[in-house]
Amino acid sequence: MSSDLFALNTQRPAEALALIGDCLRSGEPAIVTSNFRPFAAVMLHLVTRVAPDIPVVWMDSGYNSAETYRHAEALRRQLGLKLHVYTPRRTRARREALEGPPPGADDPRFDAFVHEVKLEPFERALAEFRPKIWFNGVRASDTAQRAAMEQVARNADGILKVAPLLHWTSRELHHYLQQNGLPNNWDYVDPTKPDPAQECGLHVAH
């Protein structure tokens, strides 16, 4: 069993690296997004092995845990990430002083909250980098919508969305981290996903 697992773990990275390389062969501008959630280091390590200078875009809602901020900084240093952080135009303190804590998914203010802390910052990143290729770390096991996604697809913005980890299992991700000496982060909270099985809005809008 262990030999089969080892073979699977070596096959997955090779396939992912080949896919990333094929997508970048055109020379078109590309970005990779990350929220530094559990196993995020896998995607960042794979993409930067092929394209060390690729812009890493992080939409920091302001609601991340202290450990997530430390994890992001540790990965930035370890992998030499070209990290670009996009935050909401209002600080968390200002927003909460005026409107209170993040609304729940059944609150009529929820969509506006998601737009403010995630979608609008991402749209600023798109305007700045004008990417033709977008690498992301979504996995089929995340949500029902992601289970129906294709690994490579062109979105409504005309951007080629590429999800090299779409069909990876948690076990495969865990072994990749171990094999490559990469840290993980379990202390992660996304206020745009009160229910982990729901979409955050980013992959619906874009």
C-alpha atoms as a PDB file:
ATOM      1  CA  MET A   1       0.000   0.000   0.000  1.00  0.00           C
ATOM      2  CA  SER A   2       2.788   2.438   0.868  1.00  0.00           C
ATOM      3  CA  SER A   3       4.485   1.861  -2.496  1.00  0.00           C
ATOM      4  CA  ASP A   4       1.197   2.576  -4.319  1.00  0.00           C
ATOM      5  CA  LEU A   5       0.765   5.762  -2.305  1.00  0.00           C
ATOM      6  CA  PHE A   6       4.310   6.858  -3.097  1.00  0.00           C
ATOM      7  CA  ALA A   7       3.730   6.287  -6.815  1.00  0.00           C
ATOM      8  CA  LEU A   8       0.518   8.308  -6.666  1.00  0.00           C
ATOM      9  CA  ASN A   9       2.247  11.154  -4.853  1.00  0.00           C
ATOM     10  CA  THR A  10       4.962  11.382  -7.498  1.00  0.00           C
ATOM     11  CA  GLN A  11       2.485  11.229 -10.376  1.00  0.00           C
ATOM     12  CA  ARG A  12       0.271  14.042  -9.151  1.00  0.00           C
ATOM     13  CA  PRO A  13       3.040  16.684  -8.886  1.00  0.00           C
ATOM     14  CA  ALA A  14       4.417  15.726 -12.290  1.00  0.00           C
ATOM     15  CA  GLU A  15       0.991  16.152 -13.854  1.00  0.00           C
ATOM     16  CA  ALA A  16       0.457  19.483 -12.106  1.00  0.00           C
ATOM     17  CA  LEU A  17       3.859  20.817 -13.133  1.00  0.00           C
ATOM     18  CA  ALA A  18       3.248  19.755 -16.739  1.00  0.00           C
ATOM     19  CA  LEU A  19      -0.140  21.486 -16.759  1.00  0.00           C
ATOM     20  CA  ILE A  20       1.310  24.689 -15.304  1.00  0.00           C
ATOM     21  CA  GLY A  21       4.162  24.655 -17.810  1.00  0.00           C
ATOM     22  CA  ASP A  22       1.818  24.064 -20.736  1.00  0.00           C
ATOM     23  CA  CYS A  23      -0.415  26.963 -19.713  1.00  0.00           C
ATOM     24  CA  LEU A  24       2.519  29.338 -19.311  1.00  0.00           C
ATOM     25  CA  ARG A  25       4.178  28.392 -22.593  1.00  0.00           C
ATOM     26  CA  SER A  26       2.230  31.095 -24.426  1.00  0.00           C
ATOM     27  CA  GLY A  27       4.015  33.764 -22.404  1.00  0.00           C
ATOM     28  CA  GLU A  28       0.743  35.484 -21.519  1.00  0.00           C
ATOM     29  CA  PRO A  29       0.535  37.312 -18.161  1.00  0.00           C
ATOM     30  CA  ALA A  30      -0.495  35.084 -15.260  1.00  0.00           C
ATOM     31  CA  ILE A  31      -1.308  35.308 -11.571  1.00  0.00           C
ATOM     32  CA  VAL A  32      -1.864  32.807  -8.798  1.00  0.00           C
ATOM     33  CA  THR A  33      -4.320  33.530  -6.003  1.00  0.00           C
ATOM     34  CA  SER A  34      -3.995  32.250  -2.464  1.00  0.00           C
ATOM     35  CA  ASN A  35      -5.823  32.723   0.811  1.00  0.00           C
ATOM     36  CA  PHE A  36      -3.236  30.759   2.815  1.00  0.00           C
ATOM     37  CA  ARG A  37      -5.803  28.240   3.950  1.00  0.00           C
ATOM     38  CA  PRO A  38      -4.888  24.625   4.782  1.00  0.00           C
ATOM     39  CA  PHE A  39      -2.638  23.098   2.087  1.00  0.00           C
ATOM     40  CA  ALA A  40      -2.246  26.438   0.262  1.00  0.00           C
ATOM     41  CA  ALA A  41       1.523  25.929   0.274  1.00  0.00           C
ATOM     42  CA  VAL A  42       1.180  23.091  -2.248  1.00  0.00           C
ATOM     43  CA  MET A  43      -0.233  25.303  -5.003  1.00  0.00           C
ATOM     44  CA  LEU A  44       2.271  28.075  -4.328  1.00  0.00           C
ATOM     45  CA  HIS A  45       5.223  25.694  -4.319  1.00  0.00           C
ATOM     46  CA  LEU A  46       4.188  24.039  -7.585  1.00  0.00           C
ATOM     47  CA  VAL A  47       3.514  27.265  -9.478  1.00  0.00           C
ATOM     48  CA  THR A  48       6.669  29.032  -8.310  1.00  0.00           C
ATOM     49  CA  ARG A  49       8.780  26.028  -9.311  1.00  0.00           C
ATOM     50  CA  VAL A  50       7.744  26.801 -12.878  1.00  0.00           C
ATOM     51  CA  ALA A  51       7.373  30.593 -12.626  1.00  0.00           C
ATOM     52  CA  PRO A  52       9.321  31.983  -9.632  1.00  0.00           C
ATOM     53  CA  ASP A  53       8.298  35.581 -10.339  1.00  0.00           C
ATOM     54  CA  ILE A  54       4.573  35.042 -10.834  1.00  0.00           C
ATOM     55  CA  PRO A  55       2.460  37.563  -8.894  1.00  0.00           C
ATOM     56  CA  VAL A  56       0.788  35.962  -5.887  1.00  0.00           C
ATOM     57  CA  VAL A  57      -2.497  37.751  -5.205  1.00  0.00           C
ATOM     58  CA  TRP A  58      -4.032  37.611  -1.736  1.00  0.00           C
ATOM     59  CA  MET A  59      -7.391  39.220  -0.995  1.00  0.00           C
ATOM     60  CA  ASP A  60      -6.902  39.837   2.715  1.00  0.00           C
ATOM     61  CA  SER A  61     -10.362  40.462   4.173  1.00  0.00           C
ATOM     62  CA  GLY A  62      -8.908  41.721   7.454  1.00  0.00           C
ATOM     63  CA  TYR A  63     -10.576  38.835   9.287  1.00  0.00           C
ATOM     64  CA  ASN A  64      -7.762  36.315   9.062  1.00  0.00           C
ATOM     65  CA  SER A  65      -6.367  34.668  12.166  1.00  0.00           C
ATOM     66  CA  ALA A  66      -3.002  35.730  13.566  1.00  0.00           C
ATOM     67  CA  GLU A  67      -1.655  32.316  12.571  1.00  0.00           C
ATOM     68  CA  THR A  68      -2.738  32.855   8.954  1.00  0.00           C
ATOM     69  CA  TYR A  69      -0.784  36.107   8.802  1.00  0.00           C
ATOM     70  CA  ARG A  70       2.288  34.378  10.263  1.00  0.00           C
ATOM     71  CA  HIS A  71       1.859  31.475   7.842  1.00  0.00           C
ATOM     72  CA  ALA A  72       1.644  33.811   4.849  1.00  0.00           C
ATOM     73  CA  GLU A  73       4.814  35.601   5.917  1.00  0.00           C
ATOM     74  CA  ALA A  74       6.643  32.318   6.492  1.00  0.00           C
ATOM     75  CA  LEU A  75       5.716  31.094   3.006  1.00  0.00           C
ATOM     76  CA  ARG A  76       6.620  34.439   1.464  1.00  0.00           C
ATOM     77  CA  ARG A  77      10.105  34.106   2.906  1.00  0.00           C
ATOM     78  CA  GLN A  78      10.564  30.375   2.272  1.00  0.00           C
ATOM     79  CA  LEU A  79       9.376  30.430  -1.361  1.00  0.00           C
ATOM     80  CA  GLY A  80      10.431  33.968  -2.247  1.00  0.00           C
ATOM     81  CA  LEU A  81       6.844  34.812  -3.161  1.00  0.00           C
ATOM     82  CA  LYS A  82       6.102  37.988  -5.077  1.00  0.00           C
ATOM     83  CA  LEU A  83       3.150  38.652  -2.806  1.00  0.00           C
ATOM     84  CA  HIS A  84       0.609  41.369  -3.594  1.00  0.00           C
ATOM     85  CA  VAL A  85      -1.962  41.969  -0.857  1.00  0.00           C
ATOM     86  CA  TYR A  86      -5.315  43.554  -1.684  1.00  0.00           C
ATOM     87  CA  THR A  87      -7.416  44.714   1.242  1.00  0.00           C
ATOM     88  CA  PRO A  88     -10.900  46.248   1.406  1.00  0.00           C
ATOM     89  CA  ARG A  89     -11.066  50.015   1.009  1.00  0.00           C
ATOM     90  CA  ARG A  90     -12.482  50.236   4.535  1.00  0.00           C
ATOM     91  CA  THR A  91     -10.546  48.825   7.450  1.00  0.00           C
ATOM     92  CA  ARG A  92     -12.133  46.092   9.519  1.00  0.00           C
ATOM     93  CA  ALA A  93     -12.328  48.482  12.488  1.00  0.00           C
ATOM     94  CA  ARG A  94     -14.177  51.119  10.481  1.00  0.00           C
ATOM     95  CA  ARG A  95     -16.565  48.635   8.892  1.00  0.00           C
ATOM     96  CA  GLU A  96     -17.426  47.007  12.220  1.00  0.00           C
ATOM     97  CA  ALA A  97     -17.856  50.346  13.972  1.00  0.00           C
ATOM     98  CA  LEU A  98     -20.495  51.280  11.416  1.00  0.00           C
ATOM     99  CA  GLU A  99     -22.115  47.931  10.640  1.00  0.00           C
ATOM    100  CA  GLY A 100     -21.086  45.434  13.294  1.00  0.00           C
ATOM    101  CA  PRO A 101     -19.548  41.978  12.824  1.00  0.00           C
ATOM    102  CA  PRO A 102     -19.691  40.087   9.496  1.00  0.00           C
ATOM    103  CA  PRO A 103     -23.260  39.233   8.486  1.00  0.00           C
ATOM    104  CA  GLY A 104     -24.407  35.640   8.161  1.00  0.00           C
ATOM    105  CA  ALA A 105     -25.278  34.083   4.827  1.00  0.00           C
ATOM    106  CA  ASP A 106     -29.008  34.663   5.425  1.00  0.00           C
ATOM    107  CA  ASP A 107     -28.497  38.361   6.163  1.00  0.00           C
ATOM    108  CA  PRO A 108     -29.563  40.692   3.301  1.00  0.00           C
ATOM    109  CA  ARG A 109     -26.250  42.529   3.740  1.00  0.00           C
ATOM    110  CA  PHE A 110     -24.187  39.406   3.074  1.00  0.00           C
ATOM    111  CA  ASP A 111     -23.661  39.848  -0.680  1.00  0.00           C
ATOM    112  CA  ALA A 112     -22.497  43.435  -0.175  1.00  0.00           C
ATOM    113  CA  PHE A 113     -20.079  42.230   2.508  1.00  0.00           C
ATOM    114  CA  VAL A 114     -18.609  39.584   0.182  1.00  0.00           C
ATOM    115  CA  HIS A 115     -18.210  42.168  -2.562  1.00  0.00           C
ATOM    116  CA  GLU A 116     -16.467  44.594  -0.213  1.00  0.00           C
ATOM    117  CA  VAL A 117     -13.958  42.228   1.368  1.00  0.00           C
ATOM    118  CA  LYS A 118     -13.240  39.815  -1.495  1.00  0.00           C
ATOM    119  CA  LEU A 119     -14.648  40.663  -4.922  1.00  0.00           C
ATOM    120  CA  GLU A 120     -13.752  44.356  -5.127  1.00  0.00           C
ATOM    121  CA  PRO A 121     -10.159  43.750  -3.976  1.00  0.00           C
ATOM    122  CA  PHE A 122      -9.833  40.977  -6.581  1.00  0.00           C
ATOM    123  CA  GLU A 123     -11.201  43.242  -9.294  1.00  0.00           C
ATOM    124  CA  ARG A 124      -8.500  45.770  -8.413  1.00  0.00           C
ATOM    125  CA  ALA A 125      -5.906  43.024  -8.824  1.00  0.00           C
ATOM    126  CA  LEU A 126      -7.350  42.111 -12.228  1.00  0.00           C
ATOM    127  CA  ALA A 127      -7.215  45.750 -13.302  1.00  0.00           C
ATOM    128  CA  GLU A 128      -3.583  46.030 -12.210  1.00  0.00           C
ATOM    129  CA  PHE A 129      -2.191  42.795 -13.630  1.00  0.00           C
ATOM    130  CA  ARG A 130      -4.603  42.162 -16.515  1.00  0.00           C
ATOM    131  CA  PRO A 131      -3.877  38.436 -16.410  1.00  0.00           C
ATOM    132  CA  LYS A 132      -4.767  36.043 -19.181  1.00  0.00           C
ATOM    133  CA  ILE A 133      -4.090  33.034 -16.939  1.00  0.00           C
ATOM    134  CA  TRP A 134      -5.273  32.545 -13.353  1.00  0.00           C
ATOM    135  CA  PHE A 135      -3.938  29.661 -11.285  1.00  0.00           C
ATOM    136  CA  ASN A 136      -5.996  28.821  -8.220  1.00  0.00           C
ATOM    137  CA  GLY A 137      -6.051  26.132  -5.563  1.00  0.00           C
ATOM    138  CA  VAL A 138      -9.698  25.078  -5.690  1.00  0.00           C
ATOM    139  CA  ARG A 139     -10.453  21.400  -5.114  1.00  0.00           C
ATOM    140  CA  ALA A 140     -13.418  19.300  -6.176  1.00  0.00           C
ATOM    141  CA  SER A 141     -13.973  18.264  -2.560  1.00  0.00           C
ATOM    142  CA  ASP A 142     -14.477  21.887  -1.426  1.00  0.00           C
ATOM    143  CA  THR A 143     -18.041  22.471  -2.624  1.00  0.00           C
ATOM    144  CA  ALA A 144     -20.609  20.962  -4.978  1.00  0.00           C
ATOM    145  CA  GLN A 145     -19.963  23.750  -7.484  1.00  0.00           C
ATOM    146  CA  ARG A 146     -16.230  23.071  -7.512  1.00  0.00           C
ATOM    147  CA  ALA A 147     -16.861  19.357  -7.995  1.00  0.00           C
ATOM    148  CA  ALA A 148     -18.458  20.295 -11.323  1.00  0.00           C
ATOM    149  CA  MET A 149     -15.589  22.567 -12.423  1.00  0.00           C
ATOM    150  CA  GLU A 150     -13.113  21.713 -15.144  1.00  0.00           C
ATOM    151  CA  GLN A 151      -9.404  21.803 -14.443  1.00  0.00           C
ATOM    152  CA  VAL A 152      -8.876  24.324 -17.243  1.00  0.00           C
ATOM    153  CA  ALA A 153     -11.660  26.637 -18.399  1.00  0.00           C
ATOM    154  CA  ARG A 154     -12.065  30.152 -19.739  1.00  0.00           C
ATOM    155  CA  ASN A 155     -14.258  32.350 -17.548  1.00  0.00           C
ATOM    156  CA  ALA A 156     -16.598  35.184 -18.499  1.00  0.00           C
ATOM    157  CA  ASP A 157     -13.713  37.659 -18.173  1.00  0.00           C
ATOM    158  CA  GLY A 158     -11.838  35.785 -20.915  1.00  0.00           C
ATOM    159  CA  ILE A 159      -9.244  34.558 -18.407  1.00  0.00           C
ATOM    160  CA  LEU A 160      -8.008  30.978 -18.494  1.00  0.00           C
ATOM    161  CA  LYS A 161      -8.725  29.555 -15.027  1.00  0.00           C
ATOM    162  CA  VAL A 162      -6.419  26.691 -14.107  1.00  0.00           C
ATOM    163  CA  ALA A 163      -6.906  24.475 -11.041  1.00  0.00           C
ATOM    164  CA  PRO A 164      -3.964  22.036 -10.915  1.00  0.00           C
ATOM    165  CA  LEU A 165      -5.065  20.617  -7.538  1.00  0.00           C
ATOM    166  CA  LEU A 166      -8.707  20.073  -8.501  1.00  0.00           C
ATOM    167  CA  HIS A 167      -8.620  16.294  -8.085  1.00  0.00           C
ATOM    168  CA  TRP A 168      -5.986  15.965  -5.347  1.00  0.00           C
ATOM    169  CA  THR A 169      -6.985  14.323  -2.074  1.00  0.00           C
ATOM    170  CA  SER A 170      -6.116  15.704   1.342  1.00  0.00           C
ATOM    171  CA  ARG A 171      -3.769  12.757   1.829  1.00  0.00           C
ATOM    172  CA  GLU A 172      -1.884  13.626  -1.354  1.00  0.00           C
ATOM    173  CA  LEU A 173      -1.622  17.261  -0.309  1.00  0.00           C
ATOM    174  CA  HIS A 174      -0.386  16.256   3.147  1.00  0.00           C
ATOM    175  CA  HIS A 175       2.327  14.031   1.697  1.00  0.00           C
ATOM    176  CA  TYR A 176       3.426  16.746  -0.722  1.00  0.00           C
ATOM    177  CA  LEU A 177       3.887  19.140   2.184  1.00  0.00           C
ATOM    178  CA  GLN A 178       5.943  16.550   4.055  1.00  0.00           C
ATOM    179  CA  GLN A 179       8.070  15.634   1.065  1.00  0.00           C
ATOM    180  CA  ASN A 180       8.915  19.259   0.347  1.00  0.00           C
ATOM    181  CA  GLY A 181       9.338  20.597   3.875  1.00  0.00           C
ATOM    182  CA  LEU A 182       6.400  22.967   3.615  1.00  0.00           C
ATOM    183  CA  PRO A 183       4.365  24.348   6.533  1.00  0.00           C
ATOM    184  CA  ASN A 184       0.597  24.091   6.875  1.00  0.00           C
ATOM    185  CA  ASN A 185      -2.037  26.312   8.464  1.00  0.00           C
ATOM    186  CA  TRP A 186      -5.108  24.908  10.191  1.00  0.00           C
ATOM    187  CA  ASP A 187      -6.122  28.113  12.000  1.00  0.00           C
ATOM    188  CA  TYR A 188      -8.001  29.584   9.050  1.00  0.00           C
ATOM    189  CA  VAL A 189     -11.336  31.416   8.920  1.00  0.00           C
ATOM    190  CA  ASP A 190     -13.100  32.833   5.871  1.00  0.00           C
ATOM    191  CA  PRO A 191     -15.921  35.243   6.828  1.00  0.00           C
ATOM    192  CA  THR A 192     -17.340  34.995   3.294  1.00  0.00           C
ATOM    193  CA  LYS A 193     -18.004  31.276   3.881  1.00  0.00           C
ATOM    194  CA  PRO A 194     -20.030  30.905   7.108  1.00  0.00           C
ATOM    195  CA  ASP A 195     -20.753  27.389   5.853  1.00  0.00           C
ATOM    196  CA  PRO A 196     -17.581  25.689   4.564  1.00  0.00           C
ATOM    197  CA  ALA A 197     -19.666  23.915   1.899  1.00  0.00           C
ATOM    198  CA  GLN A 198     -20.806  27.167   0.306  1.00  0.00           C
ATOM    199  CA  GLU A 199     -18.990  29.278  -2.279  1.00  0.00           C
ATOM    200  CA  CYS A 200     -17.192  32.441  -1.193  1.00  0.00           C
ATOM    201  CA  GLY A 201     -18.441  34.265  -4.283  1.00  0.00           C
ATOM    202  CA  LEU A 202     -15.101  34.631  -6.072  1.00  0.00           C
ATOM    203  CA  HIS A 203     -15.504  31.623  -8.351  1.00  0.00           C
ATOM    204  CA  VAL A 204     -19.136  32.481  -8.977  1.00  0.00           C
ATOM    205  CA  ALA A 205     -18.423  36.048 -10.077  1.00  0.00           C
ATOM    206  CA  HIS A 206     -15.227  35.171 -11.901  1.00  0.00           C
END
